[in-house]
mmCIF file of all heavy atoms, coordinates in Angstrom:
data_MODEL
# 
_entry.id   MODEL 
# 
loop_
_atom_site.group_PDB 
_atom_site.id 
_atom_site.type_symbol 
_atom_site.label_atom_id 
_atom_site.label_alt_id 
_atom_site.label_comp_id 
_atom_site.label_asym_id 
_atom_site.label_entity_id 
_atom_site.label_seq_id 
_atom_site.pdbx_PDB_ins_code 
_atom_site.Cartn_x 
_atom_site.Cartn_y 
_atom_site.Cartn_z 
_atom_site.occupancy 
_atom_site.B_iso_or_equiv 
_atom_site.pdbx_formal_charge 
_atom_site.auth_seq_id 
_atom_site.auth_comp_id 
_atom_site.auth_asym_id 
_atom_site.auth_atom_id 
_atom_site.pdbx_PDB_model_num 
ATOM 1   N N   . LEU A 1 1  ? -0.993 -5.939 -9.692  1.00 0.00 ? 1  LEU A N   1 
ATOM 2   C CA  . LEU A 1 1  ? -0.615 -5.340 -8.419  1.00 0.00 ? 1  LEU A CA  1 
ATOM 3   C C   . LEU A 1 1  ? -1.662 -5.675 -7.361  1.00 0.00 ? 1  LEU A C   1 
ATOM 4   O O   . LEU A 1 1  ? -2.870 -5.561 -7.606  1.00 0.00 ? 1  LEU A O   1 
ATOM 5   C CB  . LEU A 1 1  ? -0.507 -3.820 -8.557  1.00 0.00 ? 1  LEU A CB  1 
ATOM 6   C CG  . LEU A 1 1  ? 0.612  -3.300 -9.468  1.00 0.00 ? 1  LEU A CG  1 
ATOM 7   C CD1 . LEU A 1 1  ? 0.487  -1.796 -9.633  1.00 0.00 ? 1  LEU A CD1 1 
ATOM 8   C CD2 . LEU A 1 1  ? 1.977  -3.663 -8.903  1.00 0.00 ? 1  LEU A CD2 1 
ATOM 9   N N   . PRO A 1 2  ? -1.225 -6.070 -6.174  1.00 0.00 ? 2  PRO A N   1 
ATOM 10  C CA  . PRO A 1 2  ? -2.192 -6.298 -5.089  1.00 0.00 ? 2  PRO A CA  1 
ATOM 11  C C   . PRO A 1 2  ? -2.807 -4.975 -4.644  1.00 0.00 ? 2  PRO A C   1 
ATOM 12  O O   . PRO A 1 2  ? -2.248 -3.902 -4.885  1.00 0.00 ? 2  PRO A O   1 
ATOM 13  C CB  . PRO A 1 2  ? -1.339 -6.925 -3.978  1.00 0.00 ? 2  PRO A CB  1 
ATOM 14  C CG  . PRO A 1 2  ? 0.050  -6.456 -4.256  1.00 0.00 ? 2  PRO A CG  1 
ATOM 15  C CD  . PRO A 1 2  ? 0.161  -6.349 -5.743  1.00 0.00 ? 2  PRO A CD  1 
ATOM 16  N N   . ASP A 1 3  ? -3.953 -5.053 -3.989  1.00 0.00 ? 3  ASP A N   1 
ATOM 17  C CA  . ASP A 1 3  ? -4.665 -3.839 -3.594  1.00 0.00 ? 3  ASP A CA  1 
ATOM 18  C C   . ASP A 1 3  ? -3.840 -2.949 -2.670  1.00 0.00 ? 3  ASP A C   1 
ATOM 19  O O   . ASP A 1 3  ? -3.992 -1.723 -2.674  1.00 0.00 ? 3  ASP A O   1 
ATOM 20  C CB  . ASP A 1 3  ? -5.990 -4.194 -2.907  1.00 0.00 ? 3  ASP A CB  1 
ATOM 21  C CG  . ASP A 1 3  ? -7.034 -4.679 -3.900  1.00 0.00 ? 3  ASP A CG  1 
ATOM 22  O OD1 . ASP A 1 3  ? -6.822 -4.472 -5.117  1.00 0.00 ? 3  ASP A OD1 1 
ATOM 23  O OD2 . ASP A 1 3  ? -8.046 -5.260 -3.464  1.00 0.00 ? 3  ASP A OD2 1 
ATOM 24  N N   . ASP A 1 4  ? -2.950 -3.558 -1.858  1.00 0.00 ? 4  ASP A N   1 
ATOM 25  C CA  . ASP A 1 4  ? -2.179 -2.754 -0.910  1.00 0.00 ? 4  ASP A CA  1 
ATOM 26  C C   . ASP A 1 4  ? -0.850 -2.273 -1.482  1.00 0.00 ? 4  ASP A C   1 
ATOM 27  O O   . ASP A 1 4  ? -0.034 -1.681 -0.769  1.00 0.00 ? 4  ASP A O   1 
ATOM 28  C CB  . ASP A 1 4  ? -1.941 -3.516 0.385   1.00 0.00 ? 4  ASP A CB  1 
ATOM 29  C CG  . ASP A 1 4  ? -1.105 -4.774 0.179   1.00 0.00 ? 4  ASP A CG  1 
ATOM 30  O OD1 . ASP A 1 4  ? -0.879 -5.156 -0.991  1.00 0.00 ? 4  ASP A OD1 1 
ATOM 31  O OD2 . ASP A 1 4  ? -0.681 -5.382 1.187   1.00 0.00 ? 4  ASP A OD2 1 
ATOM 32  N N   . ALA A 1 5  ? -0.603 -2.531 -2.784  1.00 0.00 ? 5  ALA A N   1 
ATOM 33  C CA  . ALA A 1 5  ? 0.598  -1.973 -3.415  1.00 0.00 ? 5  ALA A CA  1 
ATOM 34  C C   . ALA A 1 5  ? 0.519  -0.444 -3.354  1.00 0.00 ? 5  ALA A C   1 
ATOM 35  O O   . ALA A 1 5  ? -0.554 0.140  -3.522  1.00 0.00 ? 5  ALA A O   1 
ATOM 36  C CB  . ALA A 1 5  ? 0.719  -2.438 -4.856  1.00 0.00 ? 5  ALA A CB  1 
ATOM 37  N N   . GLU A 1 6  ? 1.667  0.188  -3.108  1.00 0.00 ? 6  GLU A N   1 
ATOM 38  C CA  . GLU A 1 6  ? 1.699  1.642  -2.920  1.00 0.00 ? 6  GLU A CA  1 
ATOM 39  C C   . GLU A 1 6  ? 2.744  2.262  -3.839  1.00 0.00 ? 6  GLU A C   1 
ATOM 40  O O   . GLU A 1 6  ? 3.901  1.846  -3.843  1.00 0.00 ? 6  GLU A O   1 
ATOM 41  C CB  . GLU A 1 6  ? 2.026  1.972  -1.461  1.00 0.00 ? 6  GLU A CB  1 
ATOM 42  C CG  . GLU A 1 6  ? 2.062  3.456  -1.148  1.00 0.00 ? 6  GLU A CG  1 
ATOM 43  C CD  . GLU A 1 6  ? 2.497  3.725  0.278   1.00 0.00 ? 6  GLU A CD  1 
ATOM 44  O OE1 . GLU A 1 6  ? 3.142  2.837  0.884   1.00 0.00 ? 6  GLU A OE1 1 
ATOM 45  O OE2 . GLU A 1 6  ? 2.202  4.822  0.797   1.00 0.00 ? 6  GLU A OE2 1 
ATOM 46  N N   . LEU A 1 7  ? 2.322  3.248  -4.628  1.00 0.00 ? 7  LEU A N   1 
ATOM 47  C CA  . LEU A 1 7  ? 3.260  3.999  -5.457  1.00 0.00 ? 7  LEU A CA  1 
ATOM 48  C C   . LEU A 1 7  ? 3.705  5.233  -4.689  1.00 0.00 ? 7  LEU A C   1 
ATOM 49  O O   . LEU A 1 7  ? 2.875  6.034  -4.246  1.00 0.00 ? 7  LEU A O   1 
ATOM 50  C CB  . LEU A 1 7  ? 2.619  4.423  -6.774  1.00 0.00 ? 7  LEU A CB  1 
ATOM 51  C CG  . LEU A 1 7  ? 3.514  5.278  -7.696  1.00 0.00 ? 7  LEU A CG  1 
ATOM 52  C CD1 . LEU A 1 7  ? 4.698  4.462  -8.211  1.00 0.00 ? 7  LEU A CD1 1 
ATOM 53  C CD2 . LEU A 1 7  ? 2.715  5.863  -8.856  1.00 0.00 ? 7  LEU A CD2 1 
ATOM 54  N N   . VAL A 1 8  ? 5.038  5.384  -4.527  1.00 0.00 ? 8  VAL A N   1 
ATOM 55  C CA  . VAL A 1 8  ? 5.617  6.534  -3.838  1.00 0.00 ? 8  VAL A CA  1 
ATOM 56  C C   . VAL A 1 8  ? 6.489  7.291  -4.836  1.00 0.00 ? 8  VAL A C   1 
ATOM 57  O O   . VAL A 1 8  ? 7.390  6.710  -5.445  1.00 0.00 ? 8  VAL A O   1 
ATOM 58  C CB  . VAL A 1 8  ? 6.454  6.102  -2.619  1.00 0.00 ? 8  VAL A CB  1 
ATOM 59  C CG1 . VAL A 1 8  ? 7.043  7.329  -1.917  1.00 0.00 ? 8  VAL A CG1 1 
ATOM 60  C CG2 . VAL A 1 8  ? 5.612  5.280  -1.648  1.00 0.00 ? 8  VAL A CG2 1 
ATOM 61  N N   . VAL A 1 9  ? 6.214  8.575  -5.002  1.00 0.00 ? 9  VAL A N   1 
ATOM 62  C CA  . VAL A 1 9  ? 6.985  9.426  -5.907  1.00 0.00 ? 9  VAL A CA  1 
ATOM 63  C C   . VAL A 1 9  ? 7.518  10.600 -5.100  1.00 0.00 ? 9  VAL A C   1 
ATOM 64  O O   . VAL A 1 9  ? 6.768  11.209 -4.315  1.00 0.00 ? 9  VAL A O   1 
ATOM 65  C CB  . VAL A 1 9  ? 6.120  9.937  -7.076  1.00 0.00 ? 9  VAL A CB  1 
ATOM 66  C CG1 . VAL A 1 9  ? 6.976  10.749 -8.050  1.00 0.00 ? 9  VAL A CG1 1 
ATOM 67  C CG2 . VAL A 1 9  ? 5.447  8.785  -7.801  1.00 0.00 ? 9  VAL A CG2 1 
ATOM 68  N N   . GLU A 1 10 ? 8.802  10.921 -5.270  1.00 0.00 ? 10 GLU A N   1 
ATOM 69  C CA  . GLU A 1 10 ? 9.358  12.056 -4.547  1.00 0.00 ? 10 GLU A CA  1 
ATOM 70  C C   . GLU A 1 10 ? 10.337 12.823 -5.424  1.00 0.00 ? 10 GLU A C   1 
ATOM 71  O O   . GLU A 1 10 ? 10.931 12.278 -6.353  1.00 0.00 ? 10 GLU A O   1 
ATOM 72  C CB  . GLU A 1 10 ? 10.036 11.624 -3.251  1.00 0.00 ? 10 GLU A CB  1 
ATOM 73  C CG  . GLU A 1 10 ? 11.265 10.773 -3.416  1.00 0.00 ? 10 GLU A CG  1 
ATOM 74  C CD  . GLU A 1 10 ? 11.919 10.448 -2.067  1.00 0.00 ? 10 GLU A CD  1 
ATOM 75  O OE1 . GLU A 1 10 ? 11.176 10.334 -1.065  1.00 0.00 ? 10 GLU A OE1 1 
ATOM 76  O OE2 . GLU A 1 10 ? 13.156 10.335 -2.023  1.00 0.00 ? 10 GLU A OE2 1 
ATOM 77  N N   . ALA A 1 11 ? 10.486 14.113 -5.100  1.00 0.00 ? 11 ALA A N   1 
ATOM 78  C CA  . ALA A 1 11 ? 11.439 14.987 -5.787  1.00 0.00 ? 11 ALA A CA  1 
ATOM 79  C C   . ALA A 1 11 ? 12.340 15.617 -4.737  1.00 0.00 ? 11 ALA A C   1 
ATOM 80  O O   . ALA A 1 11 ? 11.850 16.106 -3.705  1.00 0.00 ? 11 ALA A O   1 
ATOM 81  C CB  . ALA A 1 11 ? 10.710 16.063 -6.581  1.00 0.00 ? 11 ALA A CB  1 
ATOM 82  N N   . ARG A 1 12 ? 13.649 15.606 -4.989  1.00 0.00 ? 12 ARG A N   1 
ATOM 83  C CA  . ARG A 1 12 ? 14.620 16.159 -4.048  1.00 0.00 ? 12 ARG A CA  1 
ATOM 84  C C   . ARG A 1 12 ? 15.512 17.184 -4.740  1.00 0.00 ? 12 ARG A C   1 
ATOM 85  O O   . ARG A 1 12 ? 15.744 17.097 -5.948  1.00 0.00 ? 12 ARG A O   1 
ATOM 86  C CB  . ARG A 1 12 ? 15.458 15.052 -3.409  1.00 0.00 ? 12 ARG A CB  1 
ATOM 87  C CG  . ARG A 1 12 ? 14.628 14.134 -2.493  1.00 0.00 ? 12 ARG A CG  1 
ATOM 88  C CD  . ARG A 1 12 ? 15.477 13.120 -1.758  1.00 0.00 ? 12 ARG A CD  1 
ATOM 89  N NE  . ARG A 1 12 ? 14.669 12.324 -0.848  1.00 0.00 ? 12 ARG A NE  1 
ATOM 90  C CZ  . ARG A 1 12 ? 14.420 12.647 0.421   1.00 0.00 ? 12 ARG A CZ  1 
ATOM 91  N NH1 . ARG A 1 12 ? 14.954 13.766 0.927   1.00 0.00 ? 12 ARG A NH1 1 
ATOM 92  N NH2 . ARG A 1 12 ? 13.669 11.885 1.184   1.00 0.00 ? 12 ARG A NH2 1 
ATOM 93  N N   . GLY A 1 13 ? 16.037 18.128 -3.937  1.00 0.00 ? 13 GLY A N   1 
ATOM 94  C CA  . GLY A 1 13 ? 16.857 19.203 -4.486  1.00 0.00 ? 13 GLY A CA  1 
ATOM 95  C C   . GLY A 1 13 ? 18.184 19.342 -3.767  1.00 0.00 ? 13 GLY A C   1 
ATOM 96  O O   . GLY A 1 13 ? 18.852 18.355 -3.463  1.00 0.00 ? 13 GLY A O   1 
ATOM 97  N N   . PHE A 1 14 ? 18.580 20.582 -3.458  1.00 0.00 ? 14 PHE A N   1 
ATOM 98  C CA  . PHE A 1 14 ? 19.864 20.903 -2.842  1.00 0.00 ? 14 PHE A CA  1 
ATOM 99  C C   . PHE A 1 14 ? 20.075 20.094 -1.571  1.00 0.00 ? 14 PHE A C   1 
ATOM 100 O O   . PHE A 1 14 ? 19.191 20.008 -0.715  1.00 0.00 ? 14 PHE A O   1 
ATOM 101 C CB  . PHE A 1 14 ? 19.913 22.407 -2.539  1.00 0.00 ? 14 PHE A CB  1 
ATOM 102 C CG  . PHE A 1 14 ? 21.104 22.857 -1.757  1.00 0.00 ? 14 PHE A CG  1 
ATOM 103 C CD1 . PHE A 1 14 ? 22.353 22.918 -2.354  1.00 0.00 ? 14 PHE A CD1 1 
ATOM 104 C CD2 . PHE A 1 14 ? 20.980 23.207 -0.423  1.00 0.00 ? 14 PHE A CD2 1 
ATOM 105 C CE1 . PHE A 1 14 ? 23.462 23.328 -1.634  1.00 0.00 ? 14 PHE A CE1 1 
ATOM 106 C CE2 . PHE A 1 14 ? 22.074 23.641 0.312   1.00 0.00 ? 14 PHE A CE2 1 
ATOM 107 C CZ  . PHE A 1 14 ? 23.320 23.695 -0.299  1.00 0.00 ? 14 PHE A CZ  1 
ATOM 108 N N   . GLN A 1 15 ? 21.259 19.452 -1.445  1.00 0.00 ? 15 GLN A N   1 
ATOM 109 C CA  . GLN A 1 15 ? 21.619 18.646 -0.280  1.00 0.00 ? 15 GLN A CA  1 
ATOM 110 C C   . GLN A 1 15 ? 20.555 17.602 0.026   1.00 0.00 ? 15 GLN A C   1 
ATOM 111 O O   . GLN A 1 15 ? 20.282 17.286 1.177   1.00 0.00 ? 15 GLN A O   1 
ATOM 112 C CB  . GLN A 1 15 ? 21.852 19.544 0.937   1.00 0.00 ? 15 GLN A CB  1 
ATOM 113 C CG  . GLN A 1 15 ? 23.058 20.467 0.813   1.00 0.00 ? 15 GLN A CG  1 
ATOM 114 C CD  . GLN A 1 15 ? 24.380 19.721 0.766   1.00 0.00 ? 15 GLN A CD  1 
ATOM 115 O OE1 . GLN A 1 15 ? 24.992 19.622 -0.286  1.00 0.00 ? 15 GLN A OE1 1 
ATOM 116 N NE2 . GLN A 1 15 ? 24.820 19.216 1.897   1.00 0.00 ? 15 GLN A NE2 1 
ATOM 117 N N   . ASN A 1 16 ? 19.948 17.080 -1.054  1.00 0.00 ? 16 ASN A N   1 
ATOM 118 C CA  . ASN A 1 16 ? 18.945 16.016 -0.948  1.00 0.00 ? 16 ASN A CA  1 
ATOM 119 C C   . ASN A 1 16 ? 17.688 16.468 -0.209  1.00 0.00 ? 16 ASN A C   1 
ATOM 120 O O   . ASN A 1 16 ? 16.937 15.637 0.333   1.00 0.00 ? 16 ASN A O   1 
ATOM 121 C CB  . ASN A 1 16 ? 19.528 14.778 -0.262  1.00 0.00 ? 16 ASN A CB  1 
ATOM 122 C CG  . ASN A 1 16 ? 18.878 13.492 -0.738  1.00 0.00 ? 16 ASN A CG  1 
ATOM 123 O OD1 . ASN A 1 16 ? 18.527 13.358 -1.911  1.00 0.00 ? 16 ASN A OD1 1 
ATOM 124 N ND2 . ASN A 1 16 ? 18.705 12.546 0.162   1.00 0.00 ? 16 ASN A ND2 1 
ATOM 125 N N   . ALA A 1 17 ? 17.425 17.768 -0.185  1.00 0.00 ? 17 ALA A N   1 
ATOM 126 C CA  . ALA A 1 17 ? 16.234 18.290 0.486   1.00 0.00 ? 17 ALA A CA  1 
ATOM 127 C C   . ALA A 1 17 ? 14.975 17.783 -0.210  1.00 0.00 ? 17 ALA A C   1 
ATOM 128 O O   . ALA A 1 17 ? 14.880 17.799 -1.443  1.00 0.00 ? 17 ALA A O   1 
ATOM 129 C CB  . ALA A 1 17 ? 16.245 19.814 0.482   1.00 0.00 ? 17 ALA A CB  1 
ATOM 130 N N   . LEU A 1 18 ? 14.008 17.343 0.562   1.00 0.00 ? 18 LEU A N   1 
ATOM 131 C CA  . LEU A 1 18 ? 12.748 16.846 0.013   1.00 0.00 ? 18 LEU A CA  1 
ATOM 132 C C   . LEU A 1 18 ? 11.895 18.020 -0.447  1.00 0.00 ? 18 LEU A C   1 
ATOM 133 O O   . LEU A 1 18 ? 11.497 18.872 0.357   1.00 0.00 ? 18 LEU A O   1 
ATOM 134 C CB  . LEU A 1 18 ? 12.000 16.024 1.067   1.00 0.00 ? 18 LEU A CB  1 
ATOM 135 C CG  . LEU A 1 18 ? 10.681 15.393 0.614   1.00 0.00 ? 18 LEU A CG  1 
ATOM 136 C CD1 . LEU A 1 18 ? 10.920 14.377 -0.497  1.00 0.00 ? 18 LEU A CD1 1 
ATOM 137 C CD2 . LEU A 1 18 ? 9.971  14.743 1.798   1.00 0.00 ? 18 LEU A CD2 1 
ATOM 138 N N   . LEU A 1 19 ? 11.599 18.068 -1.745  1.00 0.00 ? 19 LEU A N   1 
ATOM 139 C CA  . LEU A 1 19 ? 10.782 19.129 -2.315  1.00 0.00 ? 19 LEU A CA  1 
ATOM 140 C C   . LEU A 1 19 ? 9.311  18.749 -2.366  1.00 0.00 ? 19 LEU A C   1 
ATOM 141 O O   . LEU A 1 19 ? 8.439  19.587 -2.168  1.00 0.00 ? 19 LEU A O   1 
ATOM 142 C CB  . LEU A 1 19 ? 11.274 19.474 -3.728  1.00 0.00 ? 19 LEU A CB  1 
ATOM 143 C CG  . LEU A 1 19 ? 12.707 19.978 -3.845  1.00 0.00 ? 19 LEU A CG  1 
ATOM 144 C CD1 . LEU A 1 19 ? 13.070 20.194 -5.306  1.00 0.00 ? 19 LEU A CD1 1 
ATOM 145 C CD2 . LEU A 1 19 ? 12.883 21.271 -3.060  1.00 0.00 ? 19 LEU A CD2 1 
ATOM 146 N N   . ALA A 1 20 ? 9.028  17.490 -2.663  1.00 0.00 ? 20 ALA A N   1 
ATOM 147 C CA  . ALA A 1 20 ? 7.639  17.038 -2.755  1.00 0.00 ? 20 ALA A CA  1 
ATOM 148 C C   . ALA A 1 20 ? 7.605  15.523 -2.725  1.00 0.00 ? 20 ALA A C   1 
ATOM 149 O O   . ALA A 1 20 ? 8.543  14.854 -3.167  1.00 0.00 ? 20 ALA A O   1 
ATOM 150 C CB  . ALA A 1 20 ? 6.983  17.548 -4.036  1.00 0.00 ? 20 ALA A CB  1 
ATOM 151 N N   . THR A 1 21 ? 6.525  14.984 -2.199  1.00 0.00 ? 21 THR A N   1 
ATOM 152 C CA  . THR A 1 21 ? 6.325  13.538 -2.207  1.00 0.00 ? 21 THR A CA  1 
ATOM 153 C C   . THR A 1 21 ? 4.840  13.248 -2.278  1.00 0.00 ? 21 THR A C   1 
ATOM 154 O O   . THR A 1 21 ? 4.015  14.050 -1.819  1.00 0.00 ? 21 THR A O   1 
ATOM 155 C CB  . THR A 1 21 ? 6.955  12.880 -0.955  1.00 0.00 ? 21 THR A CB  1 
ATOM 156 O OG1 . THR A 1 21 ? 6.846  11.449 -1.068  1.00 0.00 ? 21 THR A OG1 1 
ATOM 157 C CG2 . THR A 1 21 ? 6.255  13.330 0.317   1.00 0.00 ? 21 THR A CG2 1 
ATOM 158 N N   . ASP A 1 22 ? 4.501  12.111 -2.867  1.00 0.00 ? 22 ASP A N   1 
ATOM 159 C CA  . ASP A 1 22 ? 3.108  11.712 -2.961  1.00 0.00 ? 22 ASP A CA  1 
ATOM 160 C C   . ASP A 1 22 ? 3.060  10.188 -2.958  1.00 0.00 ? 22 ASP A C   1 
ATOM 161 O O   . ASP A 1 22 ? 3.974  9.521  -3.467  1.00 0.00 ? 22 ASP A O   1 
ATOM 162 C CB  . ASP A 1 22 ? 2.459  12.258 -4.236  1.00 0.00 ? 22 ASP A CB  1 
ATOM 163 C CG  . ASP A 1 22 ? 0.954  12.016 -4.248  1.00 0.00 ? 22 ASP A CG  1 
ATOM 164 O OD1 . ASP A 1 22 ? 0.338  12.092 -3.173  1.00 0.00 ? 22 ASP A OD1 1 
ATOM 165 O OD2 . ASP A 1 22 ? 0.406  11.733 -5.327  1.00 0.00 ? 22 ASP A OD2 1 
ATOM 166 N N   . SER A 1 23 ? 2.017  9.641  -2.371  1.00 0.00 ? 23 SER A N   1 
ATOM 167 C CA  . SER A 1 23 ? 1.857  8.189  -2.348  1.00 0.00 ? 23 SER A CA  1 
ATOM 168 C C   . SER A 1 23 ? 0.373  7.856  -2.423  1.00 0.00 ? 23 SER A C   1 
ATOM 169 O O   . SER A 1 23 ? -0.481 8.647  -1.998  1.00 0.00 ? 23 SER A O   1 
ATOM 170 C CB  . SER A 1 23 ? 2.486  7.585  -1.086  1.00 0.00 ? 23 SER A CB  1 
ATOM 171 O OG  . SER A 1 23 ? 1.828  8.066  0.076   1.00 0.00 ? 23 SER A OG  1 
ATOM 172 N N   . ALA A 1 24 ? 0.088  6.682  -2.971  1.00 0.00 ? 24 ALA A N   1 
ATOM 173 C CA  . ALA A 1 24 ? -1.302 6.217  -3.077  1.00 0.00 ? 24 ALA A CA  1 
ATOM 174 C C   . ALA A 1 24 ? -1.302 4.705  -3.197  1.00 0.00 ? 24 ALA A C   1 
ATOM 175 O O   . ALA A 1 24 ? -0.391 4.116  -3.783  1.00 0.00 ? 24 ALA A O   1 
ATOM 176 C CB  . ALA A 1 24 ? -1.994 6.857  -4.284  1.00 0.00 ? 24 ALA A CB  1 
ATOM 177 N N   . GLU A 1 25 ? -2.328 4.063  -2.619  1.00 0.00 ? 25 GLU A N   1 
ATOM 178 C CA  . GLU A 1 25 ? -2.472 2.620  -2.732  1.00 0.00 ? 25 GLU A CA  1 
ATOM 179 C C   . GLU A 1 25 ? -3.211 2.259  -4.015  1.00 0.00 ? 25 GLU A C   1 
ATOM 180 O O   . GLU A 1 25 ? -3.985 3.053  -4.550  1.00 0.00 ? 25 GLU A O   1 
ATOM 181 C CB  . GLU A 1 25 ? -3.201 2.067  -1.511  1.00 0.00 ? 25 GLU A CB  1 
ATOM 182 C CG  . GLU A 1 25 ? -2.377 2.112  -0.245  1.00 0.00 ? 25 GLU A CG  1 
ATOM 183 C CD  . GLU A 1 25 ? -3.022 1.332  0.878   1.00 0.00 ? 25 GLU A CD  1 
ATOM 184 O OE1 . GLU A 1 25 ? -4.197 0.914  0.726   1.00 0.00 ? 25 GLU A OE1 1 
ATOM 185 O OE2 . GLU A 1 25 ? -2.356 1.124  1.920   1.00 0.00 ? 25 GLU A OE2 1 
ATOM 186 N N   . ALA A 1 26 ? -2.948 1.032  -4.475  1.00 0.00 ? 26 ALA A N   1 
ATOM 187 C CA  . ALA A 1 26 ? -3.518 0.603  -5.754  1.00 0.00 ? 26 ALA A CA  1 
ATOM 188 C C   . ALA A 1 26 ? -5.039 0.489  -5.683  1.00 0.00 ? 26 ALA A C   1 
ATOM 189 O O   . ALA A 1 26 ? -5.757 1.086  -6.505  1.00 0.00 ? 26 ALA A O   1 
ATOM 190 C CB  . ALA A 1 26 ? -2.902 -0.736 -6.164  1.00 0.00 ? 26 ALA A CB  1 
ATOM 191 N N   . ASN A 1 27 ? -5.548 -0.282 -4.731  1.00 0.00 ? 27 ASN A N   1 
ATOM 192 C CA  . ASN A 1 27 ? -6.990 -0.496 -4.631  1.00 0.00 ? 27 ASN A CA  1 
ATOM 193 C C   . ASN A 1 27 ? -7.599 -0.839 -5.993  1.00 0.00 ? 27 ASN A C   1 
ATOM 194 O O   . ASN A 1 27 ? -8.592 -0.258 -6.425  1.00 0.00 ? 27 ASN A O   1 
ATOM 195 C CB  . ASN A 1 27 ? -7.684 0.736  -4.040  1.00 0.00 ? 27 ASN A CB  1 
ATOM 196 C CG  . ASN A 1 27 ? -7.314 0.956  -2.588  1.00 0.00 ? 27 ASN A CG  1 
ATOM 197 O OD1 . ASN A 1 27 ? -7.129 -0.005 -1.838  1.00 0.00 ? 27 ASN A OD1 1 
ATOM 198 N ND2 . ASN A 1 27 ? -7.172 2.217  -2.188  1.00 0.00 ? 27 ASN A ND2 1 
ATOM 199 N N   . GLY A 1 28 ? -6.954 -1.791 -6.677  1.00 0.00 ? 28 GLY A N   1 
ATOM 200 C CA  . GLY A 1 28 ? -7.441 -2.232 -7.979  1.00 0.00 ? 28 GLY A CA  1 
ATOM 201 C C   . GLY A 1 28 ? -6.797 -1.532 -9.155  1.00 0.00 ? 28 GLY A C   1 
ATOM 202 O O   . GLY A 1 28 ? -6.949 -1.963 -10.306 1.00 0.00 ? 28 GLY A O   1 
# 
């Protein structure tokens, strides 16, 4: 993975409401 690759994780609920999200870059 390149250093600027980003992992995005999210959880959604009723009517696709966003419950939580998190992201971070690889940086190695």
